[in-house]
Amino acid sequence: MQKLRLTMNETCHFLSVQRDKLNKMVKDDPSFPRPIKEGASRQAAVYFDHSELLDWWEDKKKKRYC
């Protein structure tokens, strides 16, 4: 069974990018899924929704061929 949410490290591994590249994607790409922060503190864990990442990737692939 696939996890519903991925940590920053799992998301980096899933997308095969380094953490600084992931942060740049979040900052610069408005179509990239927004991170979900668990808690209000600055050190609260950040997650990404697995299905949103898959949808984003499929959209990127479709736009590449158009």
PDB file of N, CA and C in Angstrom:
ATOM      1  N   MET A   1       0.838  -1.179   0.000  1.00  0.00           N
ATOM      2  CA  MET A   1       0.000   0.000   0.000  1.00  0.00           C
ATOM      3  C   MET A   1       0.888   1.250   0.000  1.00  0.00           C
ATOM      4  N   GLN A   2       0.542   2.214  -0.835  1.00  0.00           N
ATOM      5  CA  GLN A   2       1.305   3.455  -0.943  1.00  0.00           C
ATOM      6  C   GLN A   2       0.916   4.422   0.175  1.00  0.00           C
ATOM      7  N   LYS A   3       1.906   5.113   0.711  1.00  0.00           N
ATOM      8  CA  LYS A   3       1.654   6.104   1.742  1.00  0.00           C
ATOM      9  C   LYS A   3       0.873   7.281   1.153  1.00  0.00           C
ATOM     10  N   LEU A   4       0.014   7.890   1.962  1.00  0.00           N
ATOM     11  CA  LEU A   4      -0.757   9.047   1.516  1.00  0.00           C
ATOM     12  C   LEU A   4       0.076  10.318   1.517  1.00  0.00           C
ATOM     13  N   ARG A   5       0.965  10.427   2.482  1.00  0.00           N
ATOM     14  CA  ARG A   5       1.792  11.621   2.576  1.00  0.00           C
ATOM     15  C   ARG A   5       3.254  11.222   2.644  1.00  0.00           C
ATOM     16  N   LEU A   6       4.074  12.071   2.046  1.00  0.00           N
ATOM     17  CA  LEU A   6       5.507  11.813   1.975  1.00  0.00           C
ATOM     18  C   LEU A   6       6.262  12.932   2.689  1.00  0.00           C
ATOM     19  N   THR A   7       7.299  12.570   3.409  1.00  0.00           N
ATOM     20  CA  THR A   7       8.160  13.562   4.044  1.00  0.00           C
ATOM     21  C   THR A   7       8.984  14.261   2.969  1.00  0.00           C
ATOM     22  N   MET A   8       9.702  15.286   3.378  1.00  0.00           N
ATOM     23  CA  MET A   8      10.576  15.993   2.429  1.00  0.00           C
ATOM     24  C   MET A   8      11.596  15.029   1.821  1.00  0.00           C
ATOM     25  N   ASN A   9      12.222  14.208   2.649  1.00  0.00           N
ATOM     26  CA  ASN A   9      13.222  13.267   2.144  1.00  0.00           C
ATOM     27  C   ASN A   9      12.597  12.240   1.216  1.00  0.00           C
ATOM     28  N   GLU A  10      11.422  11.728   1.567  1.00  0.00           N
ATOM     29  CA  GLU A  10      10.747  10.754   0.711  1.00  0.00           C
ATOM     30  C   GLU A  10      10.337  11.392  -0.610  1.00  0.00           C
ATOM     31  N   THR A  11       9.912  12.652  -0.559  1.00  0.00           N
ATOM     32  CA  THR A  11       9.525  13.362  -1.780  1.00  0.00           C
ATOM     33  C   THR A  11      10.743  13.577  -2.673  1.00  0.00           C
ATOM     34  N   CYS A  12      11.864  13.935  -2.080  1.00  0.00           N
ATOM     35  CA  CYS A  12      13.101  14.085  -2.855  1.00  0.00           C
ATOM     36  C   CYS A  12      13.472  12.769  -3.538  1.00  0.00           C
ATOM     37  N   HIS A  13      13.393  11.699  -2.799  1.00  0.00           N
ATOM     38  CA  HIS A  13      13.705  10.390  -3.361  1.00  0.00           C
ATOM     39  C   HIS A  13      12.704  10.028  -4.462  1.00  0.00           C
ATOM     40  N   PHE A  14      11.427  10.270  -4.220  1.00  0.00           N
ATOM     41  CA  PHE A  14      10.355   9.964  -5.172  1.00  0.00           C
ATOM     42  C   PHE A  14      10.571  10.701  -6.494  1.00  0.00           C
ATOM     43  N   LEU A  15      10.992  11.980  -6.413  1.00  0.00           N
ATOM     44  CA  LEU A  15      11.185  12.790  -7.607  1.00  0.00           C
ATOM     45  C   LEU A  15      12.619  12.768  -8.130  1.00  0.00           C
ATOM     46  N   SER A  16      13.508  12.108  -7.396  1.00  0.00           N
ATOM     47  CA  SER A  16      14.928  12.030  -7.755  1.00  0.00           C
ATOM     48  C   SER A  16      15.563  13.419  -7.861  1.00  0.00           C
ATOM     49  N   VAL A  17      15.321  14.228  -6.835  1.00  0.00           N
ATOM     50  CA  VAL A  17      15.918  15.561  -6.771  1.00  0.00           C
ATOM     51  C   VAL A  17      16.521  15.770  -5.385  1.00  0.00           C
ATOM     52  N   GLN A  18      17.419  16.748  -5.296  1.00  0.00           N
ATOM     53  CA  GLN A  18      17.995  17.136  -4.019  1.00  0.00           C
ATOM     54  C   GLN A  18      17.019  18.072  -3.303  1.00  0.00           C
ATOM     55  N   ARG A  19      17.228  18.247  -2.010  1.00  0.00           N
ATOM     56  CA  ARG A  19      16.325  19.069  -1.200  1.00  0.00           C
ATOM     57  C   ARG A  19      16.281  20.522  -1.694  1.00  0.00           C
ATOM     58  N   ASP A  20      17.412  21.087  -2.092  1.00  0.00           N
ATOM     59  CA  ASP A  20      17.399  22.470  -2.570  1.00  0.00           C
ATOM     60  C   ASP A  20      16.606  22.608  -3.864  1.00  0.00           C
ATOM     61  N   LYS A  21      16.640  21.602  -4.716  1.00  0.00           N
ATOM     62  CA  LYS A  21      15.845  21.609  -5.944  1.00  0.00           C
ATOM     63  C   LYS A  21      14.356  21.510  -5.611  1.00  0.00           C
ATOM     64  N   LEU A  22      14.002  20.677  -4.640  1.00  0.00           N
ATOM     65  CA  LEU A  22      12.603  20.559  -4.222  1.00  0.00           C
ATOM     66  C   LEU A  22      12.103  21.894  -3.685  1.00  0.00           C
ATOM     67  N   ASN A  23      12.908  22.551  -2.863  1.00  0.00           N
ATOM     68  CA  ASN A  23      12.516  23.857  -2.328  1.00  0.00           C
ATOM     69  C   ASN A  23      12.340  24.881  -3.444  1.00  0.00           C
ATOM     70  N   LYS A  24      13.200  24.828  -4.454  1.00  0.00           N
ATOM     71  CA  LYS A  24      13.082  25.740  -5.597  1.00  0.00           C
ATOM     72  C   LYS A  24      11.803  25.457  -6.382  1.00  0.00           C
ATOM     73  N   MET A  25      11.456  24.197  -6.543  1.00  0.00           N
ATOM     74  CA  MET A  25      10.229  23.842  -7.250  1.00  0.00           C
ATOM     75  C   MET A  25       9.003  24.374  -6.497  1.00  0.00           C
ATOM     76  N   VAL A  26       9.009  24.221  -5.187  1.00  0.00           N
ATOM     77  CA  VAL A  26       7.892  24.717  -4.373  1.00  0.00           C
ATOM     78  C   VAL A  26       7.766  26.234  -4.520  1.00  0.00           C
ATOM     79  N   LYS A  27       8.904  26.908  -4.511  1.00  0.00           N
ATOM     80  CA  LYS A  27       8.919  28.369  -4.560  1.00  0.00           C
ATOM     81  C   LYS A  27       8.581  28.915  -5.948  1.00  0.00           C
ATOM     82  N   ASP A  28       9.135  28.313  -6.998  1.00  0.00           N
ATOM     83  CA  ASP A  28       9.064  28.894  -8.339  1.00  0.00           C
ATOM     84  C   ASP A  28       7.973  28.328  -9.251  1.00  0.00           C
ATOM     85  N   ASP A  29       7.479  27.145  -8.970  1.00  0.00           N
ATOM     86  CA  ASP A  29       6.492  26.505  -9.848  1.00  0.00           C
ATOM     87  C   ASP A  29       5.110  26.565  -9.193  1.00  0.00           C
ATOM     88  N   PRO A  30       4.233  27.449  -9.671  1.00  0.00           N
ATOM     89  CA  PRO A  30       2.900  27.562  -9.048  1.00  0.00           C
ATOM     90  C   PRO A  30       2.037  26.310  -9.219  1.00  0.00           C
ATOM     91  N   SER A  31       2.376  25.463 -10.182  1.00  0.00           N
ATOM     92  CA  SER A  31       1.594  24.241 -10.373  1.00  0.00           C
ATOM     93  C   SER A  31       2.047  23.099  -9.464  1.00  0.00           C
ATOM     94  N   PHE A  32       3.206  23.272  -8.809  1.00  0.00           N
ATOM     95  CA  PHE A  32       3.720  22.217  -7.935  1.00  0.00           C
ATOM     96  C   PHE A  32       2.871  22.141  -6.674  1.00  0.00           C
ATOM     97  N   PRO A  33       2.567  20.929  -6.196  1.00  0.00           N
ATOM     98  CA  PRO A  33       1.727  20.782  -4.994  1.00  0.00           C
ATOM     99  C   PRO A  33       2.311  21.503  -3.784  1.00  0.00           C
ATOM    100  N   ARG A  34       1.451  22.183  -3.063  1.00  0.00           N
ATOM    101  CA  ARG A  34       1.857  22.915  -1.865  1.00  0.00           C
ATOM    102  C   ARG A  34       2.138  21.938  -0.737  1.00  0.00           C
ATOM    103  N   PRO A  35       3.197  22.182   0.031  1.00  0.00           N
ATOM    104  CA  PRO A  35       3.495  21.319   1.184  1.00  0.00           C
ATOM    105  C   PRO A  35       2.432  21.486   2.270  1.00  0.00           C
ATOM    106  N   ILE A  36       2.246  20.439   3.036  1.00  0.00           N
ATOM    107  CA  ILE A  36       1.299  20.431   4.146  1.00  0.00           C
ATOM    108  C   ILE A  36       2.115  20.446   5.425  1.00  0.00           C
ATOM    109  N   LYS A  37       1.967  21.512   6.192  1.00  0.00           N
ATOM    110  CA  LYS A  37       2.732  21.644   7.426  1.00  0.00           C
ATOM    111  C   LYS A  37       1.883  21.154   8.586  1.00  0.00           C
ATOM    112  N   GLU A  38       2.451  20.264   9.368  1.00  0.00           N
ATOM    113  CA  GLU A  38       1.739  19.681  10.501  1.00  0.00           C
ATOM    114  C   GLU A  38       2.145  20.438  11.766  1.00  0.00           C
ATOM    115  N   GLY A  39       1.313  21.369  12.177  1.00  0.00           N
ATOM    116  CA  GLY A  39       1.607  22.166  13.358  1.00  0.00           C
ATOM    117  C   GLY A  39       1.960  23.592  12.997  1.00  0.00           C
ATOM    118  N   ALA A  40       1.980  24.445  14.009  1.00  0.00           N
ATOM    119  CA  ALA A  40       2.215  25.866  13.784  1.00  0.00           C
ATOM    120  C   ALA A  40       3.662  26.279  14.032  1.00  0.00           C
ATOM    121  N   SER A  41       4.421  25.443  14.694  1.00  0.00           N
ATOM    122  CA  SER A  41       5.796  25.835  15.012  1.00  0.00           C
ATOM    123  C   SER A  41       6.668  25.817  13.760  1.00  0.00           C
ATOM    124  N   ARG A  42       7.753  26.534  13.840  1.00  0.00           N
ATOM    125  CA  ARG A  42       8.681  26.624  12.721  1.00  0.00           C
ATOM    126  C   ARG A  42       9.316  25.264  12.395  1.00  0.00           C
ATOM    127  N   GLN A  43       9.439  24.416  13.394  1.00  0.00           N
ATOM    128  CA  GLN A  43      10.076  23.116  13.207  1.00  0.00           C
ATOM    129  C   GLN A  43       9.076  21.982  12.973  1.00  0.00           C
ATOM    130  N   ALA A  44       7.829  22.319  12.731  1.00  0.00           N
ATOM    131  CA  ALA A  44       6.808  21.294  12.490  1.00  0.00           C
ATOM    132  C   ALA A  44       7.129  20.527  11.205  1.00  0.00           C
ATOM    133  N   ALA A  45       6.752  19.279  11.191  1.00  0.00           N
ATOM    134  CA  ALA A  45       7.005  18.418  10.031  1.00  0.00           C
ATOM    135  C   ALA A  45       6.236  18.911   8.804  1.00  0.00           C
ATOM    136  N   VAL A  46       6.844  18.728   7.638  1.00  0.00           N
ATOM    137  CA  VAL A  46       6.238  19.118   6.366  1.00  0.00           C
ATOM    138  C   VAL A  46       6.066  17.866   5.520  1.00  0.00           C
ATOM    139  N   TYR A  47       4.890  17.741   4.915  1.00  0.00           N
ATOM    140  CA  TYR A  47       4.572  16.573   4.089  1.00  0.00           C
ATOM    141  C   TYR A  47       4.043  17.015   2.732  1.00  0.00           C
ATOM    142  N   PHE A  48       4.108  16.102   1.779  1.00  0.00           N
ATOM    143  CA  PHE A  48       3.500  16.299   0.467  1.00  0.00           C
ATOM    144  C   PHE A  48       2.516  15.170   0.231  1.00  0.00           C
ATOM    145  N   ASP A  49       1.400  15.501  -0.397  1.00  0.00           N
ATOM    146  CA  ASP A  49       0.373  14.517  -0.710  1.00  0.00           C
ATOM    147  C   ASP A  49       0.816  13.703  -1.926  1.00  0.00           C
ATOM    148  N   HIS A  50       0.831  12.400  -1.778  1.00  0.00           N
ATOM    149  CA  HIS A  50       1.304  11.509  -2.839  1.00  0.00           C
ATOM    150  C   HIS A  50       0.487  11.648  -4.116  1.00  0.00           C
ATOM    151  N   SER A  51      -0.828  11.665  -4.003  1.00  0.00           N
ATOM    152  CA  SER A  51      -1.672  11.745  -5.199  1.00  0.00           C
ATOM    153  C   SER A  51      -1.522  13.092  -5.911  1.00  0.00           C
ATOM    154  N   GLU A  52      -1.308  14.176  -5.160  1.00  0.00           N
ATOM    155  CA  GLU A  52      -1.074  15.481  -5.785  1.00  0.00           C
ATOM    156  C   GLU A  52       0.234  15.471  -6.570  1.00  0.00           C
ATOM    157  N   LEU A  53       1.252  14.818  -6.026  1.00  0.00           N
ATOM    158  CA  LEU A  53       2.531  14.722  -6.741  1.00  0.00           C
ATOM    159  C   LEU A  53       2.367  13.933  -8.038  1.00  0.00           C
ATOM    160  N   LEU A  54       1.621  12.841  -7.986  1.00  0.00           N
ATOM    161  CA  LEU A  54       1.387  12.047  -9.193  1.00  0.00           C
ATOM    162  C   LEU A  54       0.612  12.847 -10.236  1.00  0.00           C
ATOM    163  N   ASP A  55      -0.422  13.567  -9.808  1.00  0.00           N
ATOM    164  CA  ASP A  55      -1.206  14.393 -10.731  1.00  0.00           C
ATOM    165  C   ASP A  55      -0.338  15.474 -11.364  1.00  0.00           C
ATOM    166  N   TRP A  56       0.511  16.118 -10.558  1.00  0.00           N
ATOM    167  CA  TRP A  56       1.411  17.145 -11.071  1.00  0.00           C
ATOM    168  C   TRP A  56       2.340  16.556 -12.130  1.00  0.00           C
ATOM    169  N   TRP A  57       2.882  15.388 -11.850  1.00  0.00           N
ATOM    170  CA  TRP A  57       3.804  14.746 -12.790  1.00  0.00           C
ATOM    171  C   TRP A  57       3.106  14.391 -14.099  1.00  0.00           C
ATOM    172  N   GLU A  58       1.892  13.866 -14.014  1.00  0.00           N
ATOM    173  CA  GLU A  58       1.140  13.526 -15.223  1.00  0.00           C
ATOM    174  C   GLU A  58       0.848  14.776 -16.051  1.00  0.00           C
ATOM    175  N   ASP A  59       0.505  15.876 -15.403  1.00  0.00           N
ATOM    176  CA  ASP A  59       0.271  17.137 -16.120  1.00  0.00           C
ATOM    177  C   ASP A  59       1.543  17.616 -16.815  1.00  0.00           C
ATOM    178  N   LYS A  60       2.681  17.494 -16.123  1.00  0.00           N
ATOM    179  CA  LYS A  60       3.957  17.897 -16.730  1.00  0.00           C
ATOM    180  C   LYS A  60       4.241  17.073 -17.990  1.00  0.00           C
ATOM    181  N   LYS A  61       3.972  15.777 -17.909  1.00  0.00           N
ATOM    182  CA  LYS A  61       4.217  14.909 -19.066  1.00  0.00           C
ATOM    183  C   LYS A  61       3.291  15.266 -20.224  1.00  0.00           C
ATOM    184  N   LYS A  62       2.025  15.542 -19.912  1.00  0.00           N
ATOM    185  CA  LYS A  62       1.069  15.900 -20.975  1.00  0.00           C
ATOM    186  C   LYS A  62       1.469  17.192 -21.667  1.00  0.00           C
ATOM    187  N   LYS A  63       1.899  18.181 -20.897  1.00  0.00           N
ATOM    188  CA  LYS A  63       2.292  19.476 -21.469  1.00  0.00           C
ATOM    189  C   LYS A  63       3.539  19.353 -22.324  1.00  0.00           C
ATOM    190  N   ARG A  64       4.378  18.384 -22.009  1.00  0.00           N
ATOM    191  CA  ARG A  64       5.612  18.180 -22.760  1.00  0.00           C
ATOM    192  C   ARG A  64       5.303  17.755 -24.200  1.00  0.00           C
ATOM    193  N   TYR A  65       4.241  17.001 -24.378  1.00  0.00           N
ATOM    194  CA  TYR A  65       3.907  16.478 -25.709  1.00  0.00           C
ATOM    195  C   TYR A  65       2.935  17.360 -26.480  1.00  0.00           C
ATOM    196  N   CYS A  66       2.497  18.441 -25.916  1.00  0.00           N
ATOM    197  CA  CYS A  66       1.555  19.329 -26.617  1.00  0.00           C
ATOM    198  C   CYS A  66       2.255  20.402 -27.382  1.00  0.00           C
TER     199      CYS A  66
END
